[in-house]
Amino acid sequence: MNEEMVVFLVREAFFHVLVVAGPLLLLALVVGLVIAIVQAATTISEQTLTFVPKLVVLMLVGVLMLPFMVGTLKRYILGVFQLIPTLR
């Protein structure tokens, strides 16, 4: 295994992590911002108020995106396993 192969595999791994985790992280950011704006507009200063909406939204979206996430990671892992016989 040469350096180019390692760089390729690491780059692909980072890309797939971003594809899988990116939408969930962006959604958590948006929900947090919306709750923060509502808190600022209503002068509610409860720090734990953002936890429950984020948890509920991320669980729902995580369940809905599960087939996509599993499929993406499955394709990457199968690709890595197919490269194993070519390594020397």
N, C-alpha and C. Protein backbone atom coordinates (compact mmCIF):
# COMPACT_ATOMS: atom_id res chain seq x y z
N MET A 1 0.86 -1.17 0.00
CA MET A 1 0.00 0.00 0.00
C MET A 1 0.91 1.24 0.00
N ASN A 2 0.72 2.08 -0.99
CA ASN A 2 1.54 3.28 -1.07
C ASN A 2 0.81 4.48 -0.46
N GLU A 3 1.51 5.61 -0.44
CA GLU A 3 0.95 6.79 0.19
C GLU A 3 -0.29 7.31 -0.54
N GLU A 4 -0.30 7.17 -1.86
CA GLU A 4 -1.44 7.65 -2.64
C GLU A 4 -2.71 6.91 -2.27
N MET A 5 -2.59 5.61 -2.06
CA MET A 5 -3.76 4.81 -1.69
C MET A 5 -4.27 5.21 -0.31
N VAL A 6 -3.36 5.44 0.62
CA VAL A 6 -3.75 5.85 1.98
C VAL A 6 -4.44 7.20 1.94
N VAL A 7 -3.87 8.14 1.18
CA VAL A 7 -4.48 9.47 1.07
C VAL A 7 -5.87 9.36 0.44
N PHE A 8 -5.99 8.53 -0.58
CA PHE A 8 -7.29 8.33 -1.23
C PHE A 8 -8.32 7.77 -0.25
N LEU A 9 -7.94 6.75 0.50
CA LEU A 9 -8.87 6.14 1.44
C LEU A 9 -9.27 7.09 2.56
N VAL A 10 -8.32 7.85 3.07
CA VAL A 10 -8.63 8.81 4.14
C VAL A 10 -9.52 9.93 3.60
N ARG A 11 -9.22 10.41 2.39
CA ARG A 11 -10.05 11.46 1.79
C ARG A 11 -11.48 10.97 1.58
N GLU A 12 -11.63 9.76 1.08
CA GLU A 12 -12.96 9.19 0.89
C GLU A 12 -13.68 9.00 2.22
N ALA A 13 -12.96 8.58 3.24
CA ALA A 13 -13.57 8.40 4.56
C ALA A 13 -14.08 9.73 5.10
N PHE A 14 -13.26 10.79 5.01
CA PHE A 14 -13.70 12.10 5.47
C PHE A 14 -14.90 12.59 4.67
N PHE A 15 -14.89 12.36 3.36
CA PHE A 15 -16.02 12.78 2.53
C PHE A 15 -17.30 12.08 2.96
N HIS A 16 -17.23 10.78 3.19
CA HIS A 16 -18.42 10.04 3.57
C HIS A 16 -18.90 10.43 4.97
N VAL A 17 -17.98 10.73 5.87
CA VAL A 17 -18.38 11.21 7.20
C VAL A 17 -19.11 12.54 7.07
N LEU A 18 -18.61 13.43 6.22
CA LEU A 18 -19.29 14.71 6.02
C LEU A 18 -20.66 14.53 5.38
N VAL A 19 -20.76 13.63 4.42
CA VAL A 19 -22.05 13.40 3.76
C VAL A 19 -23.07 12.82 4.74
N VAL A 20 -22.62 11.94 5.62
CA VAL A 20 -23.54 11.30 6.56
C VAL A 20 -23.88 12.22 7.73
N ALA A 21 -22.88 12.87 8.30
CA ALA A 21 -23.11 13.67 9.51
C ALA A 21 -23.46 15.12 9.21
N GLY A 22 -23.10 15.61 8.05
CA GLY A 22 -23.33 17.01 7.71
C GLY A 22 -24.77 17.48 7.82
N PRO A 23 -25.71 16.77 7.21
CA PRO A 23 -27.10 17.22 7.31
C PRO A 23 -27.62 17.26 8.75
N LEU A 24 -27.24 16.30 9.55
CA LEU A 24 -27.69 16.30 10.95
C LEU A 24 -27.07 17.46 11.72
N LEU A 25 -25.80 17.73 11.48
CA LEU A 25 -25.15 18.84 12.17
C LEU A 25 -25.73 20.19 11.75
N LEU A 26 -25.99 20.34 10.45
CA LEU A 26 -26.61 21.58 9.98
C LEU A 26 -28.01 21.76 10.54
N LEU A 27 -28.75 20.68 10.63
CA LEU A 27 -30.09 20.75 11.19
C LEU A 27 -30.05 21.13 12.67
N ALA A 28 -29.11 20.57 13.40
CA ALA A 28 -28.96 20.93 14.82
C ALA A 28 -28.60 22.41 14.95
N LEU A 29 -27.77 22.91 14.05
CA LEU A 29 -27.42 24.32 14.06
C LEU A 29 -28.63 25.20 13.80
N VAL A 30 -29.44 24.84 12.81
CA VAL A 30 -30.63 25.63 12.48
C VAL A 30 -31.63 25.61 13.63
N VAL A 31 -31.89 24.45 14.19
CA VAL A 31 -32.83 24.36 15.31
C VAL A 31 -32.32 25.17 16.50
N GLY A 32 -31.04 25.09 16.78
CA GLY A 32 -30.46 25.87 17.87
C GLY A 32 -30.59 27.36 17.64
N LEU A 33 -30.35 27.80 16.39
CA LEU A 33 -30.49 29.22 16.08
C LEU A 33 -31.93 29.69 16.21
N VAL A 34 -32.87 28.89 15.73
CA VAL A 34 -34.29 29.27 15.83
C VAL A 34 -34.70 29.38 17.29
N ILE A 35 -34.32 28.41 18.09
CA ILE A 35 -34.67 28.45 19.51
C ILE A 35 -34.00 29.64 20.19
N ALA A 36 -32.76 29.94 19.81
CA ALA A 36 -32.05 31.08 20.40
C ALA A 36 -32.73 32.40 20.03
N ILE A 37 -33.20 32.51 18.80
CA ILE A 37 -33.91 33.73 18.39
C ILE A 37 -35.21 33.86 19.16
N VAL A 38 -35.93 32.76 19.31
CA VAL A 38 -37.18 32.79 20.09
C VAL A 38 -36.89 33.16 21.54
N GLN A 39 -35.84 32.61 22.10
CA GLN A 39 -35.47 32.94 23.48
C GLN A 39 -35.11 34.42 23.61
N ALA A 40 -34.39 34.95 22.64
CA ALA A 40 -34.01 36.36 22.70
C ALA A 40 -35.23 37.27 22.53
N ALA A 41 -36.16 36.86 21.67
CA ALA A 41 -37.35 37.68 21.45
C ALA A 41 -38.29 37.67 22.64
N THR A 42 -38.32 36.56 23.37
CA THR A 42 -39.24 36.46 24.51
C THR A 42 -38.54 36.65 25.84
N THR A 43 -37.27 36.96 25.82
CA THR A 43 -36.44 37.15 27.02
C THR A 43 -36.47 35.95 27.96
N ILE A 44 -36.60 34.77 27.40
CA ILE A 44 -36.47 33.54 28.19
C ILE A 44 -34.99 33.21 28.24
N SER A 45 -34.45 33.02 29.41
CA SER A 45 -33.01 32.77 29.52
C SER A 45 -32.71 31.38 30.07
N GLU A 46 -33.46 30.40 29.66
CA GLU A 46 -33.24 29.02 30.10
C GLU A 46 -32.25 28.36 29.14
N GLN A 47 -31.13 27.92 29.66
CA GLN A 47 -30.07 27.36 28.82
C GLN A 47 -30.40 25.95 28.32
N THR A 48 -31.22 25.23 29.04
CA THR A 48 -31.51 23.84 28.66
C THR A 48 -32.69 23.72 27.72
N LEU A 49 -33.29 24.83 27.32
CA LEU A 49 -34.49 24.79 26.49
C LEU A 49 -34.20 24.26 25.08
N THR A 50 -33.00 24.43 24.58
CA THR A 50 -32.69 23.99 23.22
C THR A 50 -32.45 22.49 23.13
N PHE A 51 -32.23 21.83 24.24
CA PHE A 51 -31.86 20.41 24.21
C PHE A 51 -32.99 19.53 23.68
N VAL A 52 -34.18 19.67 24.22
CA VAL A 52 -35.28 18.78 23.85
C VAL A 52 -35.69 18.94 22.39
N PRO A 53 -35.88 20.17 21.86
CA PRO A 53 -36.22 20.27 20.43
C PRO A 53 -35.14 19.70 19.52
N LYS A 54 -33.87 19.95 19.85
CA LYS A 54 -32.79 19.39 19.04
C LYS A 54 -32.83 17.87 19.08
N LEU A 55 -33.03 17.31 20.26
CA LEU A 55 -33.06 15.86 20.41
C LEU A 55 -34.19 15.26 19.59
N VAL A 56 -35.37 15.84 19.67
CA VAL A 56 -36.53 15.30 18.95
C VAL A 56 -36.32 15.41 17.44
N VAL A 57 -35.89 16.58 16.98
CA VAL A 57 -35.70 16.78 15.54
C VAL A 57 -34.60 15.87 15.00
N LEU A 58 -33.49 15.76 15.72
CA LEU A 58 -32.40 14.91 15.25
C LEU A 58 -32.78 13.44 15.26
N MET A 59 -33.57 13.02 16.24
CA MET A 59 -34.02 11.62 16.24
C MET A 59 -34.93 11.35 15.05
N LEU A 60 -35.88 12.25 14.78
CA LEU A 60 -36.79 12.05 13.64
C LEU A 60 -36.03 12.05 12.31
N VAL A 61 -35.17 13.02 12.12
CA VAL A 61 -34.42 13.09 10.87
C VAL A 61 -33.43 11.94 10.77
N GLY A 62 -32.84 11.55 11.89
CA GLY A 62 -31.93 10.41 11.88
C GLY A 62 -32.62 9.13 11.46
N VAL A 63 -33.84 8.93 11.95
CA VAL A 63 -34.59 7.73 11.56
C VAL A 63 -34.98 7.80 10.08
N LEU A 64 -35.37 9.00 9.62
CA LEU A 64 -35.75 9.13 8.21
C LEU A 64 -34.56 9.00 7.27
N MET A 65 -33.39 9.44 7.71
CA MET A 65 -32.19 9.38 6.87
C MET A 65 -31.40 8.10 7.05
N LEU A 66 -31.83 7.22 7.92
CA LEU A 66 -31.07 6.01 8.21
C LEU A 66 -30.79 5.16 6.96
N PRO A 67 -31.76 4.93 6.07
CA PRO A 67 -31.42 4.14 4.87
C PRO A 67 -30.34 4.81 4.01
N PHE A 68 -30.40 6.13 3.88
CA PHE A 68 -29.38 6.85 3.12
C PHE A 68 -28.02 6.73 3.78
N MET A 69 -27.96 6.91 5.09
CA MET A 69 -26.69 6.84 5.80
C MET A 69 -26.09 5.45 5.74
N VAL A 70 -26.90 4.43 5.95
CA VAL A 70 -26.41 3.06 5.90
C VAL A 70 -25.95 2.71 4.48
N GLY A 71 -26.71 3.14 3.48
CA GLY A 71 -26.32 2.87 2.10
C GLY A 71 -25.00 3.53 1.72
N THR A 72 -24.82 4.77 2.16
CA THR A 72 -23.58 5.48 1.87
C THR A 72 -22.39 4.80 2.52
N LEU A 73 -22.51 4.47 3.79
CA LEU A 73 -21.41 3.80 4.48
C LEU A 73 -21.17 2.40 3.94
N LYS A 74 -22.24 1.71 3.54
CA LYS A 74 -22.11 0.36 2.99
C LYS A 74 -21.32 0.40 1.68
N ARG A 75 -21.63 1.38 0.81
CA ARG A 75 -20.89 1.49 -0.45
C ARG A 75 -19.41 1.77 -0.20
N TYR A 76 -19.12 2.62 0.77
CA TYR A 76 -17.71 2.93 1.07
C TYR A 76 -17.00 1.69 1.60
N ILE A 77 -17.61 1.00 2.54
CA ILE A 77 -16.97 -0.18 3.14
C ILE A 77 -16.78 -1.28 2.10
N LEU A 78 -17.78 -1.49 1.25
CA LEU A 78 -17.62 -2.50 0.19
C LEU A 78 -16.49 -2.12 -0.76
N GLY A 79 -16.37 -0.83 -1.07
CA GLY A 79 -15.27 -0.38 -1.92
C GLY A 79 -13.91 -0.63 -1.28
N VAL A 80 -13.82 -0.39 0.02
CA VAL A 80 -12.56 -0.64 0.73
C VAL A 80 -12.25 -2.13 0.74
N PHE A 81 -13.27 -2.96 0.99
CA PHE A 81 -13.05 -4.40 1.00
C PHE A 81 -12.65 -4.92 -0.37
N GLN A 82 -13.16 -4.31 -1.44
CA GLN A 82 -12.78 -4.74 -2.78
C GLN A 82 -11.34 -4.33 -3.11
N LEU A 83 -10.83 -3.31 -2.43
CA LEU A 83 -9.44 -2.90 -2.65
C LEU A 83 -8.44 -3.78 -1.92
N ILE A 84 -8.87 -4.53 -0.94
CA ILE A 84 -7.96 -5.33 -0.12
C ILE A 84 -7.16 -6.34 -0.97
N PRO A 85 -7.77 -7.07 -1.91
CA PRO A 85 -6.96 -8.02 -2.69
C PRO A 85 -5.90 -7.35 -3.57
N THR A 86 -6.08 -6.08 -3.90
CA THR A 86 -5.10 -5.41 -4.76
C THR A 86 -3.91 -4.87 -3.98
N LEU A 87 -3.96 -4.92 -2.66
CA LEU A 87 -2.86 -4.40 -1.85
C LEU A 87 -1.71 -5.40 -1.82
N ARG A 88 -0.52 -4.89 -1.76
CA ARG A 88 0.66 -5.76 -1.71
C ARG A 88 1.56 -5.33 -0.61
